[in-house]
């Protein structure tokens, strides 16, 4: 079956502002995110991609733009099922404010029971994303063969939920997974089981430095966050 190259979008203006973007319109890549996207074609240069699939949101389309420019003719498909979680009333709010919401404890410790007011549940988010990947695996296999690779640009919580599914982890454990902006996660699917080949690979280990020794963007939330996972995904290293 196909090998899936999952790319989280590059760092966005919402990431650096410490906002939970969700489906808020107009959230674009910031300067660092644009540089990350520009480096993506080189990082994937050795991979013969059969197609690219993207979340319809602007920050994902901007992330794939340099790759598409470097590979004229690479088919691009948009799929709403891999769009960001619908955070409902939480969308556009500061993560620092959301930390005090009673629901946040459920999001962190029991996400399979979490449903966002005016939005969707985290179970529904994972279900639609997994269904999308299964459908695309079948389509890529049929059109390009079982050895084909394809890229999919999506969002932090979506990618974490897909990794959890591939590893056979309960959704309640997915907050233990971290994927930085423009990181590459690779899952090879087979008839028997998926294999996680890469997780959050950025080619840059600076994000592992203690917070006190690196310059995080002002207002950005980091992956550690006092032991809590950053809803929507961390902003990564500066």
Foldseek 3Di string as FASTA:
>chain_A
DEKEKEWEFFFWPCQLQQAAAAQPADIARDPRRLVLLLCVCVVCVVAPAQAEEEAPHHRQCSSCVNNCVVPPPHHYHYDNLQEGFFQAPRHGDHLVVVVPDPLQVCCFQPQQPHQHVRTGGLVSSLVSLVVVVVVVQVVCCVPPNLYHYHYYYHWFSNVLSVVCVQVVHDPSPSLVAAAEHRFIWMWRDDPVGIDTDDGNHSVDPPQVDPPVVADARPNHDHCPNVNTGRVGHGHTGD
